[in-house]
Every structure is written in structure tokens, then in C-alpha cells.
Amino acid sequence: MELGIGIGWRPEIADEVEALAGIDWVEAVAENLCADHLPDSLVRLRERGVRVVPHGVALGLGGADRPDPVRLASLAARAELLGTPLVTEHIAFVRAGGPLTASPRLEAGHLLPVPRTRDALDVLCENVRIAQESLPVPLALENIAALITWPGEELTEGQFLAELVERTGVRLLIDVANLHTNHVNLGQDPAKALDELPVEAIAYVHVAGGVEKNGVWHDTHAHPVTAPVLDVLAELRSRVDPPGVLLERDDAFPPAGELAGELDAIRATLRRAAPPTRGPGAAPGVGSASASASASASASASASASASASASGEGPCRAVRGGDRPPVAPAPAGARDRTAVAQAALLSALVAGTPAPEGFDHRRLRVQSRALAAKRADVVAKVAPELPEILGDGYRAAFLAYADGRPMSGGYRRDALDFAEHVLIAGGPADPAARRRLTYWWQDRAGARPPRRGTRLIRAARAVLVGR
């Protein structure tokens, strides 16, 4: 399945994405899409023949719990709505605690690395098979960026991914920016990881920007793609012609011209790094020159070869769903419990201020803890933009003080309400007009039912009068 060159679709740059030339497909965050209808921009793109791939962030397949059936059903519904050829998620855990540890449920609000141990791999493989059986299309999983590493790991990243693919048949979404991040932060060689992982299982590739601060690389998706990240892309392209390559940008969106320039840099890197053509049977990919008569013939030969491979159940990137192979046996006794205890201890240290588990780098844990709190502040500001508007320059400091030692009790909207309540109970904001606005905002959203239209109009008029 050839995808081509794509870009991450986000509401903030919907118009720019539609106007970009040479875009073959887009990727949209699954949890940001309604299950029963699509944004107009995505509808128009699909009408033009642009594929849309849903990219999940909340399943937590690397967590100790089995996947939530409700979340799986939601992801499946979005796949059906989009008519997508595949769905993607992450090799990560995003929550911990609960029944397996008889402790409060903790939400990370972000992707955290899975320990590369046999226990964690056994749990992940079972979770992946459960997900595959629940989804209508093939699943691909993404390697994540990390600020911390687990003590006592038994496998390298490449070995871990290779065994995951071998045991489940899942496809891979390789993020070259994350490989670079792990090189800077953890000393892991991207070339070695690429040598060890099954590159033929790659469904597509992510390319994204980041920034280095105090010797730590932050995978921000809010900065331009750097030369070292393109170098990792070139390393990958020298080994395999990936079916698709996608530019990710999640914040601090630049003008359309800069996005187009980054896409051009990706295309140029793929062309330069492509090994010499092996002959008339070689199939063109995202790094190939534009179509010609010989390229068309080659593509036809490749399609025929793919059809034969599909019929025989062999070949690269085989589409694996629930019925394609026998179910993976449940994780060995105790594996989930041990994984649950380890993940809950780490997440509690990161978001609730409990002592750091033995063997972790305490300085890096502090960096990760601050990064999680900053992520919460950024997302809450997006889902509840009235809060930074009401609190002004004091919003971020107030939120970080609130988040210190206070884990998320639910999703980000719940977090926004809890934060506003915390500020009000503490007597803030100091400005009376801002305090009234924050009070009305909280009452409108925290009540048993939303206020009637007349009440909202009266409050809006009162707010205007107070502000004069």
C-alpha cells in the first residue's frame, strides 16, 4: 500500500493543508474527531482522493491493563467513517494504577515509554492482538520519544520492535524524530535501531521538529525539522523505500510557505538517500522521481507482486487482522501485575510527587515531570481558551503550581474545571472582575446542567458592564 507524501491535519492549519501542492494523504488525531461526522476540510480532502489516516493517542497499548473496549470501539468507528486503509497508535502507556495495583487511577496526559522487558513485551503483544481483533483495518504502532529510560531493560529498541512484529504481525510507524530524540537523551544509536528492526514492516514514517534545552532534546512538534532528523530519515531510506512519509506539526504553526519548504526538504532527502535502482522490477516509492511510462510499468509489476504475496500470506507489510493468525496466548501469570506495579510507581513519582522508584535517574525524572505538567498546561489552554484569557500572564504559573503533586482525575476538560475551582478556592484571581468572570465560567460548566440561554446573556452583559 503506497501512501506517498503527507502532512498531519490539524484544525488550526486546515486551510493551509488543503492548499498545499503534492499532498497524497493526511493524518488526523483520532480522539479529536467526532465519531458520526467529519470536519468540512477533511470531507473536501477525501472528495479529492486524499486519504485520511486516524492516529490514536489514548489507547495506552503498552499499559498493564487490557485495552478499553469503549476506546477500541471509538477508534474502529473513526476508521469506518474515514474509509481508511489502516489506523495507528503508540507503543506507550498513558495511565496506571487502578484494580491491578489496588491504587488510585493515574492519568499521564502524555505518552510514556514502556520498559523493554520480557514482561512488558508479553503484555504489549496480548494487548496488540486484542486491538487487532477489534479494528476493521490493519494496525500500525509508533515508537515514541523518551526523556527517561527504565533500569534493567532486557532488549534494545530494535530488538523489542522486531519481536513485537514477529509475534503479532503488527505494522510499524517509525518516527525518525523520535529515534533522534532517543539518541540525544538516552545515547541510543538510530542506525543500530534501524539495523535491528524489520524495516519491511514499516507502514509509514513520521518526521517532526524539536528543540534542545540544557542537553535534553524535547520532541515538541512545534519547531522546524532539523538536519539531524533528516539524516535519520536518510539512514532509513538507504535501507528501505517507505510506503509513506508524513510531516507532523502540532503547535506554533508556521505560514504555509514554511510547511511547503519542510515537505520539499523531506522529498529531497528521500531522493538523495535512495540506493541505486536495482532494475526494471524495482517499485517506485515516496523517494522516487515523478511517474513516467517505465515507472508505471514498474508500479504495475509491483502491484501484481503485492497481490501474489497477499494471496500466499507472505511479503512485506502484510495486513494483519484478528483472523489472520491464531490469537497470542495471554501474558504469563504475574506479567501484568509486575508491569502494573512498576508503571504505577513511575507515574506516581512523575505526577503525584511520590518517591522515585529505584534505579531511575532522578534528574531526568524531574525533567519528565516538568514536561508532563507543561503539556497539561498547554492542552488545558487549548480545550479551555477562556482560562488563559481570564488569568492573563499569570495563567501558566498558576497552572503549574496547581499541577504540582495533583494528578489528573479525568480528561483535560475535567482538569480545566478542577484548576479553575482550585484558583477560586485559593482566593484568586486578585482582580475582582477576573474573579467574577472565572466564577461564571466555572458555574456554567460545573453545574448539573448548562445554564439557560437567558442566564448566559445576563452573565455576558454583566461581565461587559463590570469590565468597564
Protein backbone atom coordinates (compact mmCIF):
# COMPACT_ATOMS: atom_id res chain seq x y z
CA MET A 1 0.00 0.00 0.00
CA GLU A 2 1.63 3.23 -1.19
CA LEU A 3 0.64 6.38 0.71
CA GLY A 4 3.13 8.92 -0.65
CA ILE A 5 3.93 12.26 0.98
CA GLY A 6 1.58 13.54 3.67
CA ILE A 7 1.12 16.04 6.46
CA GLY A 8 -0.58 15.97 9.82
CA TRP A 9 -4.01 17.60 9.54
CA ARG A 10 -4.87 19.94 12.39
CA PRO A 11 -7.86 22.33 12.61
CA GLU A 12 -5.51 25.31 13.01
CA ILE A 13 -3.93 24.69 9.59
CA ALA A 14 -6.86 23.08 7.77
CA ASP A 15 -6.91 25.77 5.05
CA GLU A 16 -3.15 25.60 4.55
CA VAL A 17 -3.19 21.82 4.25
CA GLU A 18 -5.94 21.97 1.63
CA ALA A 19 -3.90 24.47 -0.38
CA LEU A 20 -0.58 22.60 -0.26
CA ALA A 21 0.52 21.04 -3.55
CA GLY A 22 1.62 17.43 -3.79
CA ILE A 23 -0.13 16.13 -0.66
CA ASP A 24 -1.18 12.50 -1.13
CA TRP A 25 -2.63 11.86 2.33
CA VAL A 26 -3.14 13.34 5.78
CA GLU A 27 -3.19 12.03 9.32
CA ALA A 28 -5.69 13.26 11.93
CA VAL A 29 -5.66 12.69 15.70
CA ALA A 30 -8.44 10.15 16.19
CA GLU A 31 -9.61 11.47 19.56
CA ASN A 32 -10.16 14.93 18.08
CA LEU A 33 -12.69 13.65 15.53
CA CYS A 34 -16.39 13.10 16.18
CA ALA A 35 -17.49 9.52 15.55
CA ASP A 36 -20.51 10.50 13.45
CA HIS A 37 -19.28 13.31 11.19
CA LEU A 38 -16.09 14.83 9.83
CA PRO A 39 -14.88 18.44 9.68
CA ASP A 40 -15.68 20.05 6.33
CA SER A 41 -11.99 20.29 5.48
CA LEU A 42 -11.49 16.53 5.77
CA VAL A 43 -14.63 15.92 3.73
CA ARG A 44 -13.24 18.10 0.93
CA LEU A 45 -9.85 16.37 1.06
CA ARG A 46 -11.46 12.95 0.83
CA GLU A 47 -13.56 14.09 -2.13
CA ARG A 48 -10.28 14.98 -3.87
CA GLY A 49 -8.97 11.46 -3.27
CA VAL A 50 -6.70 12.38 -0.34
CA ARG A 51 -6.59 9.51 2.17
CA VAL A 52 -7.13 10.28 5.85
CA VAL A 53 -5.48 8.05 8.48
CA PRO A 54 -6.66 8.27 12.12
CA HIS A 55 -3.80 8.44 14.63
CA GLY A 56 -4.76 7.40 18.17
CA VAL A 57 -3.09 8.75 21.30
CA ALA A 58 -5.18 7.41 24.20
CA LEU A 59 -5.34 3.61 23.98
CA GLY A 60 -2.22 3.03 26.04
CA LEU A 61 -1.48 -0.38 24.49
CA GLY A 62 1.77 -0.57 26.44
CA GLY A 63 -0.08 -0.24 29.74
CA ALA A 64 -0.67 -3.09 32.17
CA ASP A 65 -4.44 -3.11 31.64
CA ARG A 66 -6.07 -4.75 28.66
CA PRO A 67 -7.33 -2.21 26.10
CA ASP A 68 -10.56 -0.42 27.00
CA PRO A 69 -13.33 -1.82 24.75
CA VAL A 70 -15.02 1.59 24.59
CA ARG A 71 -11.85 3.27 23.32
CA LEU A 72 -11.30 0.47 20.82
CA ALA A 73 -14.87 0.76 19.55
CA SER A 74 -14.41 4.52 19.19
CA LEU A 75 -11.22 4.09 17.16
CA ALA A 76 -12.92 1.45 14.99
CA ALA A 77 -15.85 3.81 14.35
CA ARG A 78 -13.50 6.54 13.17
CA ALA A 79 -11.73 4.08 10.87
CA GLU A 80 -15.10 3.15 9.33
CA LEU A 81 -16.11 6.81 9.00
CA LEU A 82 -12.88 7.70 7.21
CA GLY A 83 -12.67 4.61 5.00
CA THR A 84 -9.00 4.47 5.98
CA PRO A 85 -6.57 1.75 4.89
CA LEU A 86 -5.10 1.48 8.41
CA VAL A 87 -5.11 3.03 11.89
CA THR A 88 -2.13 3.90 14.06
CA GLU A 89 -1.32 4.16 17.76
CA HIS A 90 1.75 4.25 20.02
CA ILE A 91 3.94 1.82 21.91
CA ALA A 92 3.40 3.61 25.20
CA PHE A 93 1.46 3.70 28.42
CA VAL A 94 -0.67 6.70 29.32
CA ARG A 95 -2.30 5.67 32.60
CA ALA A 96 -1.54 3.41 35.56
CA GLY A 97 -2.93 2.30 38.90
CA GLY A 98 -6.44 1.00 39.36
CA PRO A 99 -7.60 -2.55 40.22
CA LEU A 100 -4.34 -4.30 39.30
CA THR A 101 -2.49 -2.33 41.97
CA ALA A 102 -5.41 -1.50 44.29
CA SER A 103 -4.39 2.14 43.99
CA PRO A 104 -5.97 5.30 42.53
CA ARG A 105 -6.09 5.52 38.74
CA LEU A 106 -3.46 7.96 37.42
CA GLU A 107 -3.50 9.69 34.02
CA ALA A 108 -0.23 10.83 32.48
CA GLY A 109 -1.79 13.12 29.88
CA HIS A 110 1.05 12.12 27.57
CA LEU A 111 2.91 9.12 26.12
CA LEU A 112 5.37 7.37 28.44
CA PRO A 113 7.92 4.71 27.47
CA VAL A 114 7.28 1.02 28.04
CA PRO A 115 10.10 -0.91 29.79
CA ARG A 116 11.86 -3.12 27.24
CA THR A 117 11.49 -6.24 29.34
CA ARG A 118 10.02 -9.66 28.64
CA ASP A 119 7.10 -8.95 30.98
CA ALA A 120 6.23 -5.70 29.23
CA LEU A 121 6.61 -7.30 25.79
CA ASP A 122 4.29 -10.18 26.75
CA VAL A 123 1.66 -7.71 27.96
CA LEU A 124 2.04 -5.49 24.88
CA CYS A 125 1.71 -8.43 22.48
CA GLU A 126 -1.55 -9.57 24.08
CA ASN A 127 -2.91 -6.02 24.07
CA VAL A 128 -1.99 -5.58 20.42
CA ARG A 129 -3.79 -8.77 19.42
CA ILE A 130 -6.90 -7.65 21.32
CA ALA A 131 -6.78 -4.36 19.42
CA GLN A 132 -6.23 -6.08 16.07
CA GLU A 133 -9.29 -8.27 16.60
CA SER A 134 -11.40 -5.16 17.37
CA LEU A 135 -10.34 -2.99 14.43
CA PRO A 136 -11.71 -3.21 10.87
CA VAL A 137 -8.34 -2.40 9.26
CA PRO A 138 -4.67 -3.16 9.97
CA LEU A 139 -2.93 -1.51 12.92
CA ALA A 140 0.49 0.17 12.90
CA LEU A 141 2.34 1.20 16.07
CA GLU A 142 4.73 4.11 16.58
CA ASN A 143 7.99 4.20 18.52
CA ILE A 144 7.92 7.12 20.95
CA ALA A 145 10.41 9.73 22.13
CA ALA A 146 11.65 9.42 25.70
CA LEU A 147 13.28 11.61 28.31
CA ILE A 148 13.90 8.68 30.64
CA THR A 149 14.95 5.05 30.39
CA TRP A 150 13.92 2.14 32.58
CA PRO A 151 16.52 0.34 34.69
CA GLY A 152 17.09 -3.34 33.97
CA GLU A 153 15.93 -3.35 30.34
CA GLU A 154 16.49 -6.67 28.58
CA LEU A 155 16.12 -5.65 24.91
CA THR A 156 17.22 -2.80 22.67
CA GLU A 157 14.54 -0.74 20.92
CA GLY A 158 15.19 -2.53 17.62
CA GLN A 159 15.02 -5.98 19.24
CA PHE A 160 11.83 -5.07 21.09
CA LEU A 161 10.13 -3.89 17.89
CA ALA A 162 11.35 -6.87 15.89
CA GLU A 163 9.93 -9.37 18.37
CA LEU A 164 6.67 -7.43 18.62
CA VAL A 165 6.25 -7.65 14.82
CA GLU A 166 7.21 -11.33 14.75
CA ARG A 167 4.69 -12.28 17.46
CA THR A 168 1.73 -10.14 16.37
CA GLY A 169 2.24 -9.22 12.71
CA VAL A 170 1.58 -5.59 13.60
CA ARG A 171 2.99 -2.97 11.27
CA LEU A 172 5.30 -0.16 12.31
CA LEU A 173 5.05 3.61 12.17
CA ILE A 174 8.66 4.70 12.54
CA ASP A 175 9.17 8.25 13.80
CA VAL A 176 12.69 9.31 12.81
CA ALA A 177 12.44 12.39 15.05
CA ASN A 178 11.82 10.08 18.00
CA LEU A 179 14.87 8.00 17.06
CA HIS A 180 16.91 11.21 17.08
CA THR A 181 15.39 12.24 20.42
CA ASN A 182 16.39 8.93 21.98
CA HIS A 183 19.87 9.31 20.52
CA VAL A 184 20.37 12.68 22.25
CA ASN A 185 18.60 11.84 25.52
CA LEU A 186 19.44 8.18 26.01
CA GLY A 187 22.52 7.60 23.86
CA GLN A 188 20.72 5.11 21.62
CA ASP A 189 22.14 4.84 18.09
CA PRO A 190 19.43 5.38 15.41
CA ALA A 191 21.42 3.39 12.84
CA LYS A 192 21.64 0.39 15.19
CA ALA A 193 17.88 0.56 15.85
CA LEU A 194 17.21 0.63 12.10
CA ASP A 195 19.57 -2.31 11.57
CA GLU A 196 17.72 -4.39 14.18
CA LEU A 197 14.10 -3.63 13.38
CA PRO A 198 12.19 -5.26 10.49
CA VAL A 199 12.11 -2.35 8.04
CA GLU A 200 9.89 -4.35 5.70
CA ALA A 201 7.09 -4.00 8.29
CA ILE A 202 7.10 -0.18 8.07
CA ALA A 203 3.69 1.22 7.12
CA TYR A 204 4.89 4.82 7.06
CA VAL A 205 7.29 7.30 8.64
CA HIS A 206 6.88 10.42 10.78
CA VAL A 207 9.18 13.44 10.51
CA ALA A 208 8.91 16.25 13.09
CA GLY A 209 10.80 19.09 14.70
CA GLY A 210 12.06 19.64 18.22
CA VAL A 211 14.48 21.69 20.27
CA GLU A 212 17.41 21.04 22.61
CA LYS A 213 17.46 22.65 26.06
CA ASN A 214 20.22 22.03 28.59
CA GLY A 215 21.39 18.90 26.82
CA VAL A 216 17.89 17.40 26.61
CA TRP A 217 16.05 17.07 23.30
CA HIS A 218 12.36 17.93 23.51
CA ASP A 219 10.19 16.41 20.78
CA THR A 220 7.92 19.45 20.59
CA HIS A 221 6.34 19.15 17.12
CA ALA A 222 6.37 22.95 17.36
CA HIS A 223 9.77 23.68 15.78
CA PRO A 224 11.22 23.21 12.29
CA VAL A 225 12.60 19.82 11.27
CA THR A 226 16.34 19.81 11.91
CA ALA A 227 19.19 18.44 9.79
CA PRO A 228 19.95 15.57 12.25
CA VAL A 229 16.36 14.34 11.94
CA LEU A 230 16.62 14.41 8.14
CA ASP A 231 19.89 12.47 8.49
CA VAL A 232 17.99 9.71 10.32
CA LEU A 233 15.38 9.76 7.54
CA ALA A 234 18.21 9.31 5.04
CA GLU A 235 19.53 6.35 7.07
CA LEU A 236 16.11 4.74 6.91
CA ARG A 237 15.70 5.44 3.18
CA SER A 238 19.07 3.82 2.45
CA ARG A 239 17.59 0.57 3.83
CA VAL A 240 14.01 0.67 2.55
CA ASP A 241 11.65 2.74 0.41
CA PRO A 242 8.90 3.55 2.94
CA PRO A 243 5.30 3.43 1.65
CA GLY A 244 4.61 6.84 3.13
CA VAL A 245 6.33 9.77 4.86
CA LEU A 246 4.43 12.40 6.86
CA LEU A 247 5.37 15.78 8.31
CA GLU A 248 3.98 16.34 11.82
CA ARG A 249 3.30 19.75 13.36
CA ASP A 250 1.14 20.19 16.46
CA ASP A 251 1.76 23.74 17.66
CA ALA A 252 3.32 27.12 16.78
CA PHE A 253 2.14 26.59 13.22
CA PRO A 254 4.25 28.42 10.62
CA PRO A 255 2.98 30.00 7.38
CA ALA A 256 2.05 27.65 4.56
CA GLY A 257 5.27 28.51 2.73
CA GLU A 258 7.37 27.14 5.57
CA LEU A 259 5.35 23.94 5.69
CA ALA A 260 5.84 23.54 1.94
CA GLY A 261 9.58 24.12 2.40
CA GLU A 262 9.81 21.37 5.02
CA LEU A 263 7.94 18.99 2.75
CA ASP A 264 10.36 19.84 -0.07
CA ALA A 265 13.30 19.11 2.26
CA ILE A 266 11.78 15.71 3.07
CA ARG A 267 11.35 14.91 -0.64
CA ALA A 268 14.92 15.98 -1.39
CA THR A 269 16.28 13.83 1.46
CA LEU A 270 14.42 10.78 0.16
CA ARG A 271 15.75 11.32 -3.36
CA ARG A 272 19.35 11.79 -2.24
CA ALA A 273 19.35 8.78 0.08
CA ALA A 274 17.71 6.35 -2.35
CA PRO A 275 20.05 3.49 -3.27
CA PRO A 276 20.76 2.90 -6.97
CA THR A 277 17.81 1.49 -8.90
CA ARG A 278 18.07 -2.29 -9.00
CA GLY A 279 16.45 -2.76 -12.36
CA PRO A 280 13.11 -2.73 -14.11
CA GLY A 281 11.38 -4.67 -11.32
CA ALA A 282 12.06 -2.05 -8.65
CA ALA A 283 8.90 -0.36 -7.48
CA PRO A 284 8.80 3.42 -7.06
CA GLY A 285 8.11 4.79 -3.59
CA VAL A 286 7.92 8.16 -1.90
CA GLY A 287 11.54 8.91 -2.79
CA SER A 288 11.21 8.16 -6.47
CA ALA A 289 11.04 10.60 -9.34
CA SER A 290 7.67 11.56 -10.77
CA ALA A 291 5.77 8.96 -12.77
CA SER A 292 6.82 8.05 -16.30
CA ALA A 293 5.91 5.27 -18.70
CA SER A 294 8.58 2.96 -17.28
CA ALA A 295 7.61 3.87 -13.71
CA SER A 296 4.00 2.99 -14.48
CA ALA A 297 5.03 -0.39 -15.81
CA SER A 298 7.17 -0.93 -12.74
CA ALA A 299 4.27 0.03 -10.45
CA SER A 300 2.03 -2.47 -12.25
CA ALA A 301 4.60 -5.21 -11.76
CA SER A 302 4.88 -4.24 -8.10
CA ALA A 303 1.09 -4.33 -7.68
CA SER A 304 0.97 -7.81 -9.21
CA ALA A 305 3.74 -8.96 -6.90
CA SER A 306 1.89 -7.50 -3.91
CA ALA A 307 -1.31 -9.29 -4.91
CA SER A 308 0.57 -12.60 -5.14
CA ALA A 309 2.21 -12.01 -1.77
CA SER A 310 -1.18 -11.19 -0.27
CA ALA A 311 -2.71 -14.36 -1.64
CA SER A 312 0.09 -16.50 -0.22
CA GLY A 313 0.09 -14.70 3.13
CA GLU A 314 3.71 -13.62 2.71
CA GLY A 315 5.55 -10.46 1.73
CA PRO A 316 6.46 -7.17 3.39
CA CYS A 317 3.91 -5.20 5.42
CA ARG A 318 1.34 -7.99 5.35
CA ALA A 319 -2.01 -6.66 6.52
CA VAL A 320 -2.70 -8.42 9.80
CA ARG A 321 -6.10 -8.50 11.45
CA GLY A 322 -7.69 -10.71 14.04
CA GLY A 323 -8.38 -13.71 11.82
CA ASP A 324 -5.02 -13.76 10.04
CA ARG A 325 -3.18 -15.75 12.71
CA PRO A 326 -4.03 -17.65 15.90
CA PRO A 327 -4.56 -15.48 18.97
CA VAL A 328 -1.50 -14.69 21.04
CA ALA A 329 -1.61 -16.57 24.33
CA PRO A 330 -2.41 -14.46 27.39
CA ALA A 331 0.60 -12.87 29.05
CA PRO A 332 2.26 -15.28 31.51
CA ALA A 333 0.96 -15.30 35.07
CA GLY A 334 2.23 -12.33 37.01
CA ALA A 335 3.46 -10.34 33.99
CA ARG A 336 0.55 -7.89 34.12
CA ASP A 337 0.78 -7.49 37.88
CA ARG A 338 4.52 -6.82 37.79
CA THR A 339 4.13 -4.38 34.89
CA ALA A 340 1.25 -2.64 36.68
CA VAL A 341 3.24 -2.12 39.89
CA ALA A 342 6.26 -0.77 38.01
CA GLN A 343 4.25 1.62 35.84
CA ALA A 344 2.13 2.89 38.73
CA ALA A 345 5.24 3.60 40.81
CA LEU A 346 6.84 5.56 37.97
CA LEU A 347 3.74 7.55 37.08
CA SER A 348 3.02 8.33 40.72
CA ALA A 349 6.53 9.75 41.07
CA LEU A 350 6.03 11.86 37.94
CA VAL A 351 2.59 13.33 38.65
CA ALA A 352 1.88 12.84 42.37
CA GLY A 353 5.26 13.60 43.92
CA THR A 354 5.86 10.19 45.48
CA PRO A 355 9.47 8.91 45.87
CA ALA A 356 11.25 7.93 42.68
CA PRO A 357 11.45 4.18 42.01
CA GLU A 358 14.87 2.62 42.48
CA GLY A 359 17.24 2.72 39.54
CA PHE A 360 15.87 5.79 37.73
CA ASP A 361 17.87 8.93 37.04
CA HIS A 362 16.31 11.40 39.48
CA ARG A 363 17.35 14.44 37.45
CA ARG A 364 15.73 13.05 34.32
CA LEU A 365 12.58 12.19 36.29
CA ARG A 366 12.33 15.85 37.31
CA VAL A 367 12.71 16.90 33.67
CA GLN A 368 9.98 14.43 32.66
CA SER A 369 7.71 15.59 35.49
CA ARG A 370 8.04 19.23 34.44
CA ALA A 371 7.43 18.26 30.81
CA LEU A 372 4.19 16.46 31.74
CA ALA A 373 2.96 19.47 33.73
CA ALA A 374 3.82 21.81 30.85
CA LYS A 375 1.96 19.54 28.45
CA ARG A 376 -1.10 19.66 30.72
CA ALA A 377 -0.94 23.45 30.82
CA ASP A 378 -0.72 23.68 27.03
CA VAL A 379 -3.60 21.28 26.37
CA VAL A 380 -5.88 22.81 29.01
CA ALA A 381 -5.24 26.21 27.40
CA LYS A 382 -6.46 24.73 24.11
CA VAL A 383 -9.57 22.95 25.39
CA ALA A 384 -10.49 25.90 27.66
CA PRO A 385 -9.04 29.02 25.96
CA GLU A 386 -11.07 31.26 28.29
CA LEU A 387 -8.76 30.38 31.21
CA PRO A 388 -5.54 31.97 29.87
CA GLU A 389 -7.69 34.85 28.61
CA ILE A 390 -9.15 35.45 32.09
CA LEU A 391 -5.90 34.88 34.02
CA GLY A 392 -3.64 36.60 31.52
CA ASP A 393 0.11 36.28 32.02
CA GLY A 394 -0.45 34.53 35.34
CA TYR A 395 -2.16 31.51 33.79
CA ARG A 396 0.87 29.32 33.24
CA ALA A 397 2.49 29.88 36.65
CA ALA A 398 -0.87 29.32 38.35
CA PHE A 399 -1.50 26.09 36.45
CA LEU A 400 1.97 24.67 37.10
CA ALA A 401 1.58 25.41 40.81
CA TYR A 402 -1.80 23.67 40.77
CA ALA A 403 -0.44 20.65 38.86
CA ASP A 404 2.47 20.13 41.26
CA GLY A 405 1.54 16.92 43.07
CA ARG A 406 -2.03 16.89 41.73
CA PRO A 407 -2.54 14.13 39.14
CA MET A 408 -5.26 14.44 36.51
CA SER A 409 -8.51 12.97 37.81
CA GLY A 410 -10.03 12.60 34.35
CA GLY A 411 -9.61 14.12 30.90
CA TYR A 412 -8.34 17.58 30.09
CA ARG A 413 -11.78 19.20 30.35
CA ARG A 414 -12.12 17.85 33.88
CA ASP A 415 -8.61 19.15 34.55
CA ALA A 416 -9.64 22.63 33.41
CA LEU A 417 -12.61 22.63 35.79
CA ASP A 418 -10.52 21.37 38.71
CA PHE A 419 -7.89 24.04 38.03
CA ALA A 420 -10.47 26.85 37.94
CA GLU A 421 -12.02 25.58 41.17
CA HIS A 422 -8.57 25.45 42.80
CA VAL A 423 -7.85 29.06 41.82
CA LEU A 424 -11.21 30.25 43.17
CA ILE A 425 -10.87 28.37 46.47
CA ALA A 426 -7.43 29.91 46.91
CA GLY A 427 -8.97 33.39 46.59
CA GLY A 428 -7.79 34.17 43.09
CA PRO A 429 -7.64 35.90 40.76
CA ALA A 430 -6.74 39.10 42.61
CA ASP A 431 -8.60 41.29 40.14
CA PRO A 432 -12.32 41.31 41.13
CA ALA A 433 -13.54 41.45 37.52
CA ALA A 434 -11.38 38.46 36.56
CA ARG A 435 -12.60 36.57 39.62
CA ARG A 436 -16.21 37.14 38.63
CA ARG A 437 -15.53 36.01 35.07
CA LEU A 438 -13.77 32.88 36.30
CA THR A 439 -16.63 32.16 38.71
CA TYR A 440 -19.23 32.44 35.93
CA TRP A 441 -17.08 30.29 33.66
CA TRP A 442 -16.80 27.56 36.28
CA GLN A 443 -20.51 27.71 37.17
CA ASP A 444 -21.52 27.42 33.51
CA ARG A 445 -19.54 24.18 33.10
CA ALA A 446 -19.62 22.58 36.53
CA GLY A 447 -23.37 22.80 37.17
CA ALA A 448 -25.68 19.81 36.99
CA ARG A 449 -26.92 21.16 33.67
CA PRO A 450 -25.84 24.06 31.45
CA PRO A 451 -27.43 27.45 32.24
CA ARG A 452 -30.33 28.56 30.08
CA ARG A 453 -29.73 30.98 27.23
CA GLY A 454 -31.23 33.89 29.16
CA THR A 455 -28.89 33.29 32.08
CA ARG A 456 -25.89 33.22 29.78
CA LEU A 457 -26.94 36.51 28.17
CA ILE A 458 -27.40 38.19 31.55
CA ARG A 459 -23.98 36.99 32.72
CA ALA A 460 -22.34 38.14 29.48
CA ALA A 461 -23.94 41.60 29.80
CA ARG A 462 -22.91 41.82 33.45
CA ALA A 463 -19.35 40.85 32.56
CA VAL A 464 -19.21 43.62 29.97
CA LEU A 465 -20.53 46.18 32.46
CA VAL A 466 -18.10 45.04 35.16
CA GLY A 467 -15.22 45.28 32.75
CA ARG A 468 -15.88 48.94 32.03
